[in-house]
C-alpha atoms as a PDB file:
ATOM      1  CA  UNK A   1       7.868   5.294 -11.088  1.00  0.00           C
ATOM      2  CA  UNK A   2       4.182   5.037  -9.631  1.00  0.00           C
ATOM      3  CA  UNK A   3       3.372   2.331  -7.344  1.00  0.00           C
ATOM      4  CA  UNK A   4       0.465   0.915  -5.822  1.00  0.00           C
ATOM      5  CA  UNK A   5       0.682   0.059  -2.478  1.00  0.00           C
ATOM      6  CA  UNK A   6      -0.939  -2.630   0.129  1.00  0.00           C
ATOM      7  CA  UNK A   7      -2.235  -1.514   3.820  1.00  0.00           C
ATOM      8  CA  UNK A   8       0.464  -3.372   5.369  1.00  0.00           C
ATOM      9  CA  UNK A   9       3.257  -0.964   3.778  1.00  0.00           C
ATOM     10  CA  UNK A  10       1.486   2.137   4.763  1.00  0.00           C
ATOM     11  CA  UNK A  11       0.519   1.421   8.290  1.00  0.00           C
ATOM     12  CA  UNK A  12       3.997   0.318   8.847  1.00  0.00           C
ATOM     13  CA  UNK A  13       5.561   3.311   7.381  1.00  0.00           C
ATOM     14  CA  UNK A  14       2.965   5.995   9.359  1.00  0.00           C
ATOM     15  CA  UNK A  15       3.757   4.186  12.956  1.00  0.00           C
ATOM     16  CA  UNK A  16       6.849   2.950  12.744  1.00  0.00           C
ATOM     17  CA  UNK A  17      10.003   4.282  11.531  1.00  0.00           C
ATOM     18  CA  UNK A  18      12.288   2.394   9.013  1.00  0.00           C
ATOM     19  CA  UNK A  19      11.873   1.157   5.113  1.00  0.00           C
ATOM     20  CA  UNK A  20       8.029   2.287   4.967  1.00  0.00           C
ATOM     21  CA  UNK A  21       8.743   5.254   6.269  1.00  0.00           C
ATOM     22  CA  UNK A  22      11.319   6.154   3.858  1.00  0.00           C
ATOM     23  CA  UNK A  23       9.238   5.188   0.801  1.00  0.00           C
ATOM     24  CA  UNK A  24       6.393   7.273   2.229  1.00  0.00           C
ATOM     25  CA  UNK A  25       8.880  10.669   2.575  1.00  0.00           C
ATOM     26  CA  UNK A  26      10.212   9.609  -0.979  1.00  0.00           C
ATOM     27  CA  UNK A  27       6.883   9.954  -2.260  1.00  0.00           C
ATOM     28  CA  UNK A  28       6.215  13.219  -0.415  1.00  0.00           C
ATOM     29  CA  UNK A  29       9.219  14.685  -2.100  1.00  0.00           C
ATOM     30  CA  UNK A  30       8.084  13.570  -5.659  1.00  0.00           C
ATOM     31  CA  UNK A  31      10.833  11.098  -6.673  1.00  0.00           C
ATOM     32  CA  UNK A  32       7.965   9.062  -6.971  1.00  0.00           C
ATOM     33  CA  UNK A  33       3.897   7.868  -6.944  1.00  0.00           C
ATOM     34  CA  UNK A  34       1.866   6.071  -4.428  1.00  0.00           C
ATOM     35  CA  UNK A  35      -0.971   4.960  -5.689  1.00  0.00           C
ATOM     36  CA  UNK A  36      -3.620   2.893  -3.383  1.00  0.00           C
ATOM     37  CA  UNK A  37      -7.272   2.302  -3.677  1.00  0.00           C
ATOM     38  CA  UNK A  38     -10.599   2.959  -0.889  1.00  0.00           C
ATOM     39  CA  UNK A  39     -10.247  -0.958  -0.175  1.00  0.00           C
ATOM     40  CA  UNK A  40      -6.347  -0.585   1.250  1.00  0.00           C
ATOM     41  CA  UNK A  41      -7.084   3.080   2.795  1.00  0.00           C
ATOM     42  CA  UNK A  42     -10.433   2.051   4.365  1.00  0.00           C
ATOM     43  CA  UNK A  43      -8.103  -0.860   5.966  1.00  0.00           C
ATOM     44  CA  UNK A  44      -5.582   1.435   7.019  1.00  0.00           C
ATOM     45  CA  UNK A  45      -8.143   3.967   8.732  1.00  0.00           C
ATOM     46  CA  UNK A  46      -9.296   0.572  10.945  1.00  0.00           C
ATOM     47  CA  UNK A  47      -6.170  -0.595  11.767  1.00  0.00           C
ATOM     48  CA  UNK A  48      -5.090   2.957  12.700  1.00  0.00           C
ATOM     49  CA  UNK A  49      -7.856   2.498  15.123  1.00  0.00           C
ATOM     50  CA  UNK A  50      -7.199  -0.247  16.504  1.00  0.00           C
ATOM     51  CA  UNK A  51      -6.369  -0.163  20.541  1.00  0.00           C
ATOM     52  CA  UNK A  52      -3.014  -2.167  20.740  1.00  0.00           C
ATOM     53  CA  UNK A  53      -1.793   0.630  18.665  1.00  0.00           C
ATOM     54  CA  UNK A  54      -2.816   3.252  21.362  1.00  0.00           C
ATOM     55  CA  UNK A  55      -2.911   6.347  18.936  1.00  0.00           C
ATOM     56  CA  UNK A  56      -5.090   9.000  20.223  1.00  0.00           C
ATOM     57  CA  UNK A  57      -7.622  10.621  17.486  1.00  0.00           C
ATOM     58  CA  UNK A  58      -5.886  13.169  17.460  1.00  0.00           C
ATOM     59  CA  UNK A  59      -2.707  10.899  16.235  1.00  0.00           C
ATOM     60  CA  UNK A  60      -4.917   9.289  14.074  1.00  0.00           C
ATOM     61  CA  UNK A  61      -6.036  12.052  12.569  1.00  0.00           C
ATOM     62  CA  UNK A  62      -2.618  13.677  11.964  1.00  0.00           C
ATOM     63  CA  UNK A  63      -1.608  10.066  10.444  1.00  0.00           C
ATOM     64  CA  UNK A  64      -4.440   9.614   7.907  1.00  0.00           C
ATOM     65  CA  UNK A  65      -3.849  13.706   6.928  1.00  0.00           C
ATOM     66  CA  UNK A  66       0.150  12.219   6.101  1.00  0.00           C
ATOM     67  CA  UNK A  67      -1.328   9.198   4.375  1.00  0.00           C
ATOM     68  CA  UNK A  68      -3.552  11.453   1.888  1.00  0.00           C
ATOM     69  CA  UNK A  69      -0.670  13.949   1.309  1.00  0.00           C
ATOM     70  CA  UNK A  70       1.590  10.961   0.134  1.00  0.00           C
ATOM     71  CA  UNK A  71      -0.422   8.539  -1.230  1.00  0.00           C
ATOM     72  CA  UNK A  72      -2.815   9.040  -4.254  1.00  0.00           C
ATOM     73  CA  UNK A  73      -6.412   7.164  -3.326  1.00  0.00           C
ATOM     74  CA  UNK A  74      -8.399   5.816  -6.551  1.00  0.00           C
ATOM     75  CA  UNK A  75     -11.620   3.851  -6.695  1.00  0.00           C
ATOM     76  CA  UNK A  76     -11.857   0.020  -5.855  1.00  0.00           C
ATOM     77  CA  UNK A  77     -11.865  -2.258  -8.980  1.00  0.00           C
ATOM     78  CA  UNK A  78     -15.147  -3.238 -10.588  1.00  0.00           C
ATOM     79  CA  UNK A  79     -16.722  -6.366  -8.395  1.00  0.00           C
ATOM     80  CA  UNK A  80     -17.199  -8.060 -11.709  1.00  0.00           C
ATOM     81  CA  UNK A  81     -13.282  -7.909 -12.323  1.00  0.00           C
ATOM     82  CA  UNK A  82     -12.907  -9.176  -8.856  1.00  0.00           C
ATOM     83  CA  UNK A  83     -15.308 -11.974  -9.109  1.00  0.00           C
ATOM     84  CA  UNK A  84     -12.749 -13.283 -12.443  1.00  0.00           C
ATOM     85  CA  UNK A  85     -10.330 -13.419 -10.205  1.00  0.00           C
ATOM     86  CA  UNK A  86     -11.743 -15.353  -7.032  1.00  0.00           C
ATOM     87  CA  UNK A  87      -9.471 -18.115  -7.157  1.00  0.00           C
ATOM     88  CA  UNK A  88      -5.956 -16.878  -7.657  1.00  0.00           C
ATOM     89  CA  UNK A  89      -5.387 -15.616  -4.022  1.00  0.00           C
ATOM     90  CA  UNK A  90      -6.324 -18.126  -0.412  1.00  0.00           C
ATOM     91  CA  UNK A  91      -7.602 -15.018   1.191  1.00  0.00           C
ATOM     92  CA  UNK A  92      -9.878 -13.092  -0.677  1.00  0.00           C
ATOM     93  CA  UNK A  93      -9.595  -9.858   1.128  1.00  0.00           C
ATOM     94  CA  UNK A  94      -6.863  -9.225  -0.900  1.00  0.00           C
ATOM     95  CA  UNK A  95      -8.581  -9.339  -3.985  1.00  0.00           C
ATOM     96  CA  UNK A  96      -9.266  -5.537  -3.984  1.00  0.00           C
ATOM     97  CA  UNK A  97      -5.446  -4.907  -3.884  1.00  0.00           C
ATOM     98  CA  UNK A  98      -4.533  -7.577  -6.297  1.00  0.00           C
ATOM     99  CA  UNK A  99      -6.781  -6.505  -9.010  1.00  0.00           C
ATOM    100  CA  UNK A 100      -6.788  -2.704  -8.184  1.00  0.00           C
ATOM    101  CA  UNK A 101      -2.941  -3.198  -8.610  1.00  0.00           C
ATOM    102  CA  UNK A 102      -3.840  -5.210 -12.439  1.00  0.00           C
ATOM    103  CA  UNK A 103      -6.137  -2.513 -13.149  1.00  0.00           C
ATOM    104  CA  UNK A 104      -4.573   0.671 -12.309  1.00  0.00           C
ATOM    105  CA  UNK A 105      -1.323   1.654 -14.244  1.00  0.00           C
ATOM    106  CA  UNK A 106       1.053   1.362 -11.742  1.00  0.00           C
ATOM    107  CA  UNK A 107       4.728  -0.256 -12.424  1.00  0.00           C
ATOM    108  CA  UNK A 108       4.664  -2.395  -9.518  1.00  0.00           C
ATOM    109  CA  UNK A 109       2.870  -3.781  -6.343  1.00  0.00           C
ATOM    110  CA  UNK A 110       4.294  -2.993  -2.813  1.00  0.00           C
ATOM    111  CA  UNK A 111       3.557  -5.179  -0.336  1.00  0.00           C
ATOM    112  CA  UNK A 112       4.520  -7.553   2.701  1.00  0.00           C
ATOM    113  CA  UNK A 113       1.677 -10.258   2.000  1.00  0.00           C
ATOM    114  CA  UNK A 114       3.806 -12.801   0.307  1.00  0.00           C
ATOM    115  CA  UNK A 115       0.809 -14.444  -1.342  1.00  0.00           C
ATOM    116  CA  UNK A 116       0.389 -10.773  -3.344  1.00  0.00           C
ATOM    117  CA  UNK A 117       4.185 -10.806  -4.056  1.00  0.00           C
ATOM    118  CA  UNK A 118       3.687 -14.372  -5.371  1.00  0.00           C
ATOM    119  CA  UNK A 119       0.529 -13.573  -7.485  1.00  0.00           C
ATOM    120  CA  UNK A 120       2.081 -11.013  -9.794  1.00  0.00           C
ATOM    121  CA  UNK A 121       6.011 -10.875 -11.307  1.00  0.00           C
ATOM    122  CA  UNK A 122       5.369  -7.263 -10.407  1.00  0.00           C
ATOM    123  CA  UNK A 123       5.243  -6.974  -6.943  1.00  0.00           C
ATOM    124  CA  UNK A 124       8.432  -6.301  -4.594  1.00  0.00           C
ATOM    125  CA  UNK A 125       8.976  -5.729  -0.948  1.00  0.00           C
ATOM    126  CA  UNK A 126       9.533  -2.154   0.326  1.00  0.00           C
ATOM    127  CA  UNK A 127      13.325  -2.644   0.655  1.00  0.00           C
ATOM    128  CA  UNK A 128      12.898  -3.946  -3.233  1.00  0.00           C
ATOM    129  CA  UNK A 129      11.130  -0.962  -4.451  1.00  0.00           C
ATOM    130  CA  UNK A 130      13.429   1.811  -2.536  1.00  0.00           C
ATOM    131  CA  UNK A 131      16.202  -0.238  -4.376  1.00  0.00           C
ATOM    132  CA  UNK A 132      14.530   0.450  -7.707  1.00  0.00           C
ATOM    133  CA  UNK A 133      14.313   4.355  -6.675  1.00  0.00           C
ATOM    134  CA  UNK A 134      17.720   5.036  -4.949  1.00  0.00           C
ATOM    135  CA  UNK A 135      19.745   2.084  -5.731  1.00  0.00           C
ATOM    136  CA  UNK A 136      21.876  -0.440  -3.229  1.00  0.00           C
ATOM    137  CA  UNK A 137      21.473   1.218   0.184  1.00  0.00           C
ATOM    138  CA  UNK A 138      22.320  -0.364   3.938  1.00  0.00           C
END
Protein backbone atom coordinates (compact mmCIF):
# COMPACT_ATOMS: atom_id res chain seq x y z
CA UNK A 1 0.00 0.00 0.00
CA UNK A 2 1.27 3.47 -0.88
CA UNK A 3 0.37 6.26 1.53
CA UNK A 4 0.88 9.98 0.94
CA UNK A 5 1.66 11.52 4.35
CA UNK A 6 1.06 15.06 5.56
CA UNK A 7 3.45 17.07 7.77
CA UNK A 8 1.38 16.75 10.96
CA UNK A 9 1.54 12.97 10.75
CA UNK A 10 5.27 12.98 10.04
CA UNK A 11 6.18 15.42 12.82
CA UNK A 12 4.13 13.46 15.33
CA UNK A 13 5.79 10.22 14.25
CA UNK A 14 9.27 11.69 14.52
CA UNK A 15 8.86 13.50 17.83
CA UNK A 16 6.28 11.55 19.86
CA UNK A 17 5.58 7.91 20.66
CA UNK A 18 2.25 6.70 19.35
CA UNK A 19 0.35 5.65 16.23
CA UNK A 20 2.29 7.96 13.91
CA UNK A 21 5.63 6.55 15.09
CA UNK A 22 4.29 3.04 14.53
CA UNK A 23 3.36 3.98 10.95
CA UNK A 24 6.92 5.22 10.31
CA UNK A 25 8.35 1.99 11.76
CA UNK A 26 6.08 -0.16 9.63
CA UNK A 27 7.26 1.74 6.55
CA UNK A 28 10.92 1.28 7.51
CA UNK A 29 10.32 -2.47 7.61
CA UNK A 30 8.79 -2.37 4.13
CA UNK A 31 5.16 -3.18 4.98
CA UNK A 32 3.99 -0.04 3.15
CA UNK A 33 5.43 2.86 1.19
CA UNK A 34 5.20 6.34 2.66
CA UNK A 35 5.39 9.17 0.13
CA UNK A 36 5.39 12.93 0.55
CA UNK A 37 6.48 15.91 -1.53
CA UNK A 38 9.11 18.60 -1.13
CA UNK A 39 6.55 21.08 0.26
CA UNK A 40 5.66 18.74 3.12
CA UNK A 41 9.31 17.80 3.70
CA UNK A 42 10.25 21.48 4.05
CA UNK A 43 7.37 22.02 6.46
CA UNK A 44 8.54 19.12 8.63
CA UNK A 45 12.09 20.50 8.71
CA UNK A 46 10.74 23.96 9.67
CA UNK A 47 8.56 22.56 12.47
CA UNK A 48 11.44 20.49 13.88
CA UNK A 49 13.52 23.69 14.11
CA UNK A 50 10.93 25.55 16.19
CA UNK A 51 12.23 26.47 19.64
CA UNK A 52 9.05 25.16 21.30
CA UNK A 53 10.03 21.58 20.50
CA UNK A 54 13.37 22.06 22.24
CA UNK A 55 15.32 19.91 19.78
CA UNK A 56 19.05 20.48 19.42
CA UNK A 57 20.53 20.76 15.92
CA UNK A 58 21.95 17.25 16.32
CA UNK A 59 18.51 15.89 17.25
CA UNK A 60 16.93 17.72 14.31
CA UNK A 61 19.49 16.23 11.89
CA UNK A 62 18.91 12.75 13.35
CA UNK A 63 15.14 13.07 12.91
CA UNK A 64 15.50 14.39 9.36
CA UNK A 65 17.75 11.42 8.54
CA UNK A 66 15.08 9.09 9.96
CA UNK A 67 12.46 10.90 7.87
CA UNK A 68 14.56 10.45 4.75
CA UNK A 69 14.99 6.71 5.45
CA UNK A 70 11.29 6.13 6.12
CA UNK A 71 9.57 8.38 3.57
CA UNK A 72 10.16 8.91 -0.15
CA UNK A 73 10.00 12.55 -1.23
CA UNK A 74 8.71 13.45 -4.69
CA UNK A 75 8.53 16.76 -6.52
CA UNK A 76 5.79 19.25 -5.72
CA UNK A 77 2.78 19.36 -8.05
CA UNK A 78 2.84 21.85 -10.90
CA UNK A 79 1.70 25.36 -9.98
CA UNK A 80 -0.92 25.23 -12.74
CA UNK A 81 -2.55 22.15 -11.19
CA UNK A 82 -2.67 23.89 -7.79
CA UNK A 83 -4.19 27.00 -9.38
CA UNK A 84 -7.06 24.90 -10.70
CA UNK A 85 -7.73 23.58 -7.19
CA UNK A 86 -7.50 26.95 -5.44
CA UNK A 87 -11.13 27.06 -4.23
CA UNK A 88 -11.22 23.52 -2.85
CA UNK A 89 -9.62 24.32 0.51
CA UNK A 90 -10.03 27.16 2.97
CA UNK A 91 -6.32 26.97 3.83
CA UNK A 92 -4.48 27.34 0.52
CA UNK A 93 -1.22 26.34 2.24
CA UNK A 94 -2.59 22.79 2.13
CA UNK A 95 -3.07 22.77 -1.65
CA UNK A 96 0.36 21.21 -2.31
CA UNK A 97 -0.64 18.36 -0.01
CA UNK A 98 -4.04 17.70 -1.61
CA UNK A 99 -2.87 18.13 -5.21
CA UNK A 100 0.37 16.29 -4.43
CA UNK A 101 -1.66 13.32 -3.24
CA UNK A 102 -4.01 13.47 -6.23
CA UNK A 103 -1.14 13.56 -8.72
CA UNK A 104 0.75 10.77 -6.98
CA UNK A 105 0.00 7.12 -7.48
CA UNK A 106 -0.69 6.68 -3.77
CA UNK A 107 -3.67 4.74 -2.50
CA UNK A 108 -4.54 7.07 0.38
CA UNK A 109 -3.72 10.42 1.98
CA UNK A 110 -2.88 10.12 5.69
CA UNK A 111 -3.41 13.34 7.62
CA UNK A 112 -4.61 14.71 10.92
CA UNK A 113 -6.11 17.72 9.12
CA UNK A 114 -9.91 17.37 9.06
CA UNK A 115 -10.36 19.75 6.11
CA UNK A 116 -7.93 17.70 4.01
CA UNK A 117 -9.66 14.47 5.03
CA UNK A 118 -13.02 15.95 4.01
CA UNK A 119 -11.64 17.08 0.64
CA UNK A 120 -11.09 13.59 -0.76
CA UNK A 121 -12.73 10.22 -0.09
CA UNK A 122 -9.29 8.60 -0.12
CA UNK A 123 -8.05 10.41 2.99
CA UNK A 124 -7.72 8.77 6.38
CA UNK A 125 -6.36 9.21 9.87
CA UNK A 126 -3.24 7.40 11.05
CA UNK A 127 -5.41 4.99 13.04
CA UNK A 128 -7.39 4.11 9.90
CA UNK A 129 -4.14 3.60 7.96
CA UNK A 130 -2.80 1.27 10.65
CA UNK A 131 -6.06 -0.68 10.68
CA UNK A 132 -5.86 -1.03 6.90
CA UNK A 133 -2.29 -2.32 7.23
CA UNK A 134 -2.54 -4.40 10.40
CA UNK A 135 -6.22 -4.99 11.10
CA UNK A 136 -7.98 -3.79 14.25
CA UNK A 137 -5.68 -2.99 17.17
CA UNK A 138 -5.75 -1.24 20.53
